[in-house]
């Protein structure tokens, strides 16, 4: 699939994409920062970077931004023991591994990826009308197909990279605001 091709290319770049950061704010930033002025950008781009580095930086940037949301949830006292992934991007084993490494959590890919949202809505309705006693029925309807666990070596790289991602966003907020006024 196209997902696997892009994942295979990104996997040839090392964690941190050789010092290339990507801020994934092509449509502004929503939860939890709520900044419609935020913009997407590459930081650290040089002539030595390859297409693989660009793809990896994009995947890492999106994943780090999802980590911002994950951290907001845990600050509210929500305990997260694992991450379940759905949708087309979940087809890429590499991206699943990247998420496990970035979040220090097992990542579970469900059996039905594209239909998972509709299944969740159907189960919610079923619980609401009493057809199902609780939400645990989803384990039977859409079981976990594969679990990826964190790789300690990659985790070390991401422990260094994530603070840079956060600092880069914070440093660029005034510039994002000025660009939005143009």
C-alpha atoms as a PDB file:
ATOM      1  CA  UNK A   1       0.000   0.000   0.000  1.00  0.00           C
ATOM      2  CA  UNK A   2       1.016   3.647  -0.271  1.00  0.00           C
ATOM      3  CA  UNK A   3       1.182   3.774   3.522  1.00  0.00           C
ATOM      4  CA  UNK A   4       3.757   0.993   3.632  1.00  0.00           C
ATOM      5  CA  UNK A   5       5.816   2.588   0.850  1.00  0.00           C
ATOM      6  CA  UNK A   6       6.003   5.896   2.718  1.00  0.00           C
ATOM      7  CA  UNK A   7       6.665   4.121   6.006  1.00  0.00           C
ATOM      8  CA  UNK A   8       9.472   2.078   4.429  1.00  0.00           C
ATOM      9  CA  UNK A   9      11.070   5.249   3.063  1.00  0.00           C
ATOM     10  CA  UNK A  10      10.773   7.082   6.399  1.00  0.00           C
ATOM     11  CA  UNK A  11      12.291   4.082   8.202  1.00  0.00           C
ATOM     12  CA  UNK A  12      15.558   4.616   6.309  1.00  0.00           C
ATOM     13  CA  UNK A  13      16.058   7.919   8.151  1.00  0.00           C
ATOM     14  CA  UNK A  14      17.280   7.776  11.772  1.00  0.00           C
ATOM     15  CA  UNK A  15      15.131   8.906  14.734  1.00  0.00           C
ATOM     16  CA  UNK A  16      15.123  12.700  14.697  1.00  0.00           C
ATOM     17  CA  UNK A  17      15.398  12.781  10.884  1.00  0.00           C
ATOM     18  CA  UNK A  18      18.996  14.012  11.093  1.00  0.00           C
ATOM     19  CA  UNK A  19      18.045  17.119  13.051  1.00  0.00           C
ATOM     20  CA  UNK A  20      14.948  18.031  11.037  1.00  0.00           C
ATOM     21  CA  UNK A  21      11.778  19.107  12.857  1.00  0.00           C
ATOM     22  CA  UNK A  22       8.337  19.492  11.343  1.00  0.00           C
ATOM     23  CA  UNK A  23       5.501  21.475  12.906  1.00  0.00           C
ATOM     24  CA  UNK A  24       2.286  20.005  11.443  1.00  0.00           C
ATOM     25  CA  UNK A  25       0.038  23.049  11.663  1.00  0.00           C
ATOM     26  CA  UNK A  26      -1.136  23.331   8.060  1.00  0.00           C
ATOM     27  CA  UNK A  27      -4.623  24.316   9.237  1.00  0.00           C
ATOM     28  CA  UNK A  28      -3.626  26.103  12.421  1.00  0.00           C
ATOM     29  CA  UNK A  29      -3.490  24.276  15.742  1.00  0.00           C
ATOM     30  CA  UNK A  30      -6.433  23.010  17.666  1.00  0.00           C
ATOM     31  CA  UNK A  31      -6.606  21.089  20.913  1.00  0.00           C
ATOM     32  CA  UNK A  32      -5.057  21.679  23.324  1.00  0.00           C
ATOM     33  CA  UNK A  33      -3.291  24.855  22.121  1.00  0.00           C
ATOM     34  CA  UNK A  34      -6.172  26.430  20.175  1.00  0.00           C
ATOM     35  CA  UNK A  35      -4.028  28.619  17.948  1.00  0.00           C
ATOM     36  CA  UNK A  36      -5.558  29.264  14.515  1.00  0.00           C
ATOM     37  CA  UNK A  37      -2.498  31.367  13.597  1.00  0.00           C
ATOM     38  CA  UNK A  38      -0.048  28.446  13.893  1.00  0.00           C
ATOM     39  CA  UNK A  39       1.613  27.406  10.633  1.00  0.00           C
ATOM     40  CA  UNK A  40       3.298  24.273   9.359  1.00  0.00           C
ATOM     41  CA  UNK A  41       7.037  24.433   8.858  1.00  0.00           C
ATOM     42  CA  UNK A  42      10.275  22.507   8.668  1.00  0.00           C
ATOM     43  CA  UNK A  43      13.022  23.631  11.050  1.00  0.00           C
ATOM     44  CA  UNK A  44      16.645  22.678  10.474  1.00  0.00           C
ATOM     45  CA  UNK A  45      16.362  21.844   6.765  1.00  0.00           C
ATOM     46  CA  UNK A  46      19.720  21.604   4.985  1.00  0.00           C
ATOM     47  CA  UNK A  47      20.937  20.347   1.616  1.00  0.00           C
ATOM     48  CA  UNK A  48      22.002  17.068   3.231  1.00  0.00           C
ATOM     49  CA  UNK A  49      18.438  16.094   4.123  1.00  0.00           C
ATOM     50  CA  UNK A  50      16.835  13.442   1.956  1.00  0.00           C
ATOM     51  CA  UNK A  51      13.268  12.689   0.957  1.00  0.00           C
ATOM     52  CA  UNK A  52      13.314   9.994   3.663  1.00  0.00           C
ATOM     53  CA  UNK A  53      14.262  12.615   6.270  1.00  0.00           C
ATOM     54  CA  UNK A  54      11.372  14.828   5.155  1.00  0.00           C
ATOM     55  CA  UNK A  55       8.854  11.973   5.396  1.00  0.00           C
ATOM     56  CA  UNK A  56      10.204  10.873   8.774  1.00  0.00           C
ATOM     57  CA  UNK A  57      10.125  14.455  10.090  1.00  0.00           C
ATOM     58  CA  UNK A  58       6.474  14.761   9.028  1.00  0.00           C
ATOM     59  CA  UNK A  59       5.525  11.521  10.791  1.00  0.00           C
ATOM     60  CA  UNK A  60       7.516  12.524  13.868  1.00  0.00           C
ATOM     61  CA  UNK A  61       5.980  16.018  13.907  1.00  0.00           C
ATOM     62  CA  UNK A  62       2.426  14.700  13.716  1.00  0.00           C
ATOM     63  CA  UNK A  63       3.237  12.113  16.380  1.00  0.00           C
ATOM     64  CA  UNK A  64       4.837  14.698  18.682  1.00  0.00           C
ATOM     65  CA  UNK A  65       1.809  16.934  18.316  1.00  0.00           C
ATOM     66  CA  UNK A  66      -0.409  14.013  19.295  1.00  0.00           C
ATOM     67  CA  UNK A  67       1.884  13.620  22.314  1.00  0.00           C
ATOM     68  CA  UNK A  68       0.961  17.195  23.291  1.00  0.00           C
ATOM     69  CA  UNK A  69      -2.667  16.031  23.434  1.00  0.00           C
ATOM     70  CA  UNK A  70      -1.719  12.846  25.289  1.00  0.00           C
ATOM     71  CA  UNK A  71       0.149  14.892  27.903  1.00  0.00           C
ATOM     72  CA  UNK A  72      -2.863  17.196  28.322  1.00  0.00           C
ATOM     73  CA  UNK A  73      -5.026  14.158  29.058  1.00  0.00           C
ATOM     74  CA  UNK A  74      -2.598  12.702  31.592  1.00  0.00           C
ATOM     75  CA  UNK A  75      -2.327  16.092  33.347  1.00  0.00           C
ATOM     76  CA  UNK A  76      -6.075  15.816  33.912  1.00  0.00           C
ATOM     77  CA  UNK A  77      -5.542  12.528  35.739  1.00  0.00           C
ATOM     78  CA  UNK A  78      -6.505  10.228  32.882  1.00  0.00           C
ATOM     79  CA  UNK A  79      -4.432   7.056  33.031  1.00  0.00           C
ATOM     80  CA  UNK A  80      -3.473   5.718  29.615  1.00  0.00           C
ATOM     81  CA  UNK A  81      -2.026   2.201  29.512  1.00  0.00           C
ATOM     82  CA  UNK A  82      -1.966   1.723  25.733  1.00  0.00           C
ATOM     83  CA  UNK A  83      -2.875   3.449  22.486  1.00  0.00           C
ATOM     84  CA  UNK A  84      -5.289   2.004  19.923  1.00  0.00           C
ATOM     85  CA  UNK A  85      -4.888   3.185  16.358  1.00  0.00           C
ATOM     86  CA  UNK A  86      -7.366   3.193  13.490  1.00  0.00           C
ATOM     87  CA  UNK A  87      -7.643   4.712  10.027  1.00  0.00           C
ATOM     88  CA  UNK A  88      -5.392   4.513   7.002  1.00  0.00           C
ATOM     89  CA  UNK A  89      -2.253   5.706   8.752  1.00  0.00           C
ATOM     90  CA  UNK A  90      -2.525   2.821  11.221  1.00  0.00           C
ATOM     91  CA  UNK A  91      -1.699   0.437   8.373  1.00  0.00           C
ATOM     92  CA  UNK A  92       1.935   1.521   8.565  1.00  0.00           C
ATOM     93  CA  UNK A  93       3.798  -0.694  11.021  1.00  0.00           C
ATOM     94  CA  UNK A  94       6.641   1.845  11.131  1.00  0.00           C
ATOM     95  CA  UNK A  95       4.334   4.659  12.248  1.00  0.00           C
ATOM     96  CA  UNK A  96       2.828   2.384  14.903  1.00  0.00           C
ATOM     97  CA  UNK A  97       6.366   1.731  16.181  1.00  0.00           C
ATOM     98  CA  UNK A  98       7.164   5.442  16.100  1.00  0.00           C
ATOM     99  CA  UNK A  99       4.073   6.155  18.231  1.00  0.00           C
ATOM    100  CA  UNK A 100       5.007   3.420  20.720  1.00  0.00           C
ATOM    101  CA  UNK A 101       8.512   4.878  21.001  1.00  0.00           C
ATOM    102  CA  UNK A 102       7.319   8.477  21.287  1.00  0.00           C
ATOM    103  CA  UNK A 103       4.575   7.784  23.860  1.00  0.00           C
ATOM    104  CA  UNK A 104       6.332   4.987  25.779  1.00  0.00           C
ATOM    105  CA  UNK A 105       3.131   2.972  25.426  1.00  0.00           C
ATOM    106  CA  UNK A 106       2.119  -0.210  23.626  1.00  0.00           C
ATOM    107  CA  UNK A 107       0.325   0.656  20.376  1.00  0.00           C
ATOM    108  CA  UNK A 108      -2.487  -1.665  19.347  1.00  0.00           C
ATOM    109  CA  UNK A 109      -3.645  -1.791  15.739  1.00  0.00           C
ATOM    110  CA  UNK A 110      -7.225  -2.967  15.432  1.00  0.00           C
ATOM    111  CA  UNK A 111      -8.427  -5.557  12.917  1.00  0.00           C
ATOM    112  CA  UNK A 112     -10.758  -3.190  11.059  1.00  0.00           C
ATOM    113  CA  UNK A 113      -9.096   0.169  10.535  1.00  0.00           C
ATOM    114  CA  UNK A 114     -11.263   2.066   8.074  1.00  0.00           C
ATOM    115  CA  UNK A 115     -14.572   0.956   9.617  1.00  0.00           C
ATOM    116  CA  UNK A 116     -13.595   1.489  13.259  1.00  0.00           C
ATOM    117  CA  UNK A 117     -15.258   4.890  13.648  1.00  0.00           C
ATOM    118  CA  UNK A 118     -18.585   3.600  12.335  1.00  0.00           C
ATOM    119  CA  UNK A 119     -18.284   0.514  14.537  1.00  0.00           C
ATOM    120  CA  UNK A 120     -17.679   2.730  17.560  1.00  0.00           C
ATOM    121  CA  UNK A 121     -20.765   4.792  16.745  1.00  0.00           C
ATOM    122  CA  UNK A 122     -22.844   1.627  16.329  1.00  0.00           C
ATOM    123  CA  UNK A 123     -21.644   0.228  19.662  1.00  0.00           C
ATOM    124  CA  UNK A 124     -22.351   3.567  21.367  1.00  0.00           C
ATOM    125  CA  UNK A 125     -25.895   3.471  20.011  1.00  0.00           C
ATOM    126  CA  UNK A 126     -26.218  -0.173  21.045  1.00  0.00           C
ATOM    127  CA  UNK A 127     -25.157   0.622  24.602  1.00  0.00           C
ATOM    128  CA  UNK A 128     -27.516   3.604  24.631  1.00  0.00           C
ATOM    129  CA  UNK A 129     -30.580   1.528  23.731  1.00  0.00           C
ATOM    130  CA  UNK A 130     -29.586  -1.430  25.892  1.00  0.00           C
ATOM    131  CA  UNK A 131     -28.584  -3.792  23.079  1.00  0.00           C
ATOM    132  CA  UNK A 132     -25.132  -4.107  24.694  1.00  0.00           C
ATOM    133  CA  UNK A 133     -24.514  -3.994  28.443  1.00  0.00           C
ATOM    134  CA  UNK A 134     -21.315  -1.966  28.084  1.00  0.00           C
ATOM    135  CA  UNK A 135     -18.575  -0.984  25.653  1.00  0.00           C
ATOM    136  CA  UNK A 136     -16.514  -4.151  26.130  1.00  0.00           C
ATOM    137  CA  UNK A 137     -18.385  -5.715  23.180  1.00  0.00           C
ATOM    138  CA  UNK A 138     -16.019  -3.795  20.900  1.00  0.00           C
ATOM    139  CA  UNK A 139     -13.290  -6.301  21.855  1.00  0.00           C
ATOM    140  CA  UNK A 140     -15.303  -8.942  19.986  1.00  0.00           C
ATOM    141  CA  UNK A 141     -16.433  -6.757  17.100  1.00  0.00           C
ATOM    142  CA  UNK A 142     -13.038  -5.169  16.359  1.00  0.00           C
ATOM    143  CA  UNK A 143     -10.263  -7.056  18.163  1.00  0.00           C
ATOM    144  CA  UNK A 144      -6.624  -6.022  18.356  1.00  0.00           C
ATOM    145  CA  UNK A 145      -4.735  -7.412  15.352  1.00  0.00           C
ATOM    146  CA  UNK A 146      -1.203  -6.419  16.332  1.00  0.00           C
ATOM    147  CA  UNK A 147       0.600  -4.788  19.262  1.00  0.00           C
ATOM    148  CA  UNK A 148       3.879  -2.855  19.029  1.00  0.00           C
ATOM    149  CA  UNK A 149       5.954  -2.141  22.139  1.00  0.00           C
ATOM    150  CA  UNK A 150       8.396   0.748  22.674  1.00  0.00           C
ATOM    151  CA  UNK A 151      12.036   0.434  21.585  1.00  0.00           C
ATOM    152  CA  UNK A 152      14.307   1.897  24.317  1.00  0.00           C
ATOM    153  CA  UNK A 153      16.955   3.063  21.817  1.00  0.00           C
ATOM    154  CA  UNK A 154      14.492   5.155  19.812  1.00  0.00           C
ATOM    155  CA  UNK A 155      12.882   6.411  23.021  1.00  0.00           C
ATOM    156  CA  UNK A 156      16.170   8.022  24.031  1.00  0.00           C
ATOM    157  CA  UNK A 157      16.251  10.018  20.787  1.00  0.00           C
ATOM    158  CA  UNK A 158      12.651  11.156  21.225  1.00  0.00           C
ATOM    159  CA  UNK A 159      13.227  12.175  24.845  1.00  0.00           C
ATOM    160  CA  UNK A 160      15.744  14.676  23.440  1.00  0.00           C
ATOM    161  CA  UNK A 161      13.647  15.700  20.429  1.00  0.00           C
ATOM    162  CA  UNK A 162      10.290  16.356  22.089  1.00  0.00           C
ATOM    163  CA  UNK A 163      11.470  19.320  24.214  1.00  0.00           C
ATOM    164  CA  UNK A 164      12.919  20.875  21.038  1.00  0.00           C
ATOM    165  CA  UNK A 165       9.553  20.423  19.314  1.00  0.00           C
ATOM    166  CA  UNK A 166       7.806  22.180  22.210  1.00  0.00           C
ATOM    167  CA  UNK A 167      10.396  24.983  22.378  1.00  0.00           C
ATOM    168  CA  UNK A 168      10.212  25.512  18.614  1.00  0.00           C
ATOM    169  CA  UNK A 169       6.446  25.898  18.728  1.00  0.00           C
ATOM    170  CA  UNK A 170       6.628  28.348  21.653  1.00  0.00           C
ATOM    171  CA  UNK A 171       9.379  30.399  19.980  1.00  0.00           C
ATOM    172  CA  UNK A 172       7.391  30.677  16.751  1.00  0.00           C
ATOM    173  CA  UNK A 173       4.042  31.722  18.276  1.00  0.00           C
ATOM    174  CA  UNK A 174       4.780  35.479  17.874  1.00  0.00           C
ATOM    175  CA  UNK A 175       5.898  34.894  14.279  1.00  0.00           C
ATOM    176  CA  UNK A 176       2.778  32.836  13.549  1.00  0.00           C
ATOM    177  CA  UNK A 177       0.683  35.732  14.874  1.00  0.00           C
ATOM    178  CA  UNK A 178       2.518  38.256  12.671  1.00  0.00           C
ATOM    179  CA  UNK A 179       2.149  36.041   9.598  1.00  0.00           C
ATOM    180  CA  UNK A 180      -1.571  35.705  10.252  1.00  0.00           C
ATOM    181  CA  UNK A 181      -1.901  39.502  10.140  1.00  0.00           C
ATOM    182  CA  UNK A 182      -0.377  39.792   6.654  1.00  0.00           C
END
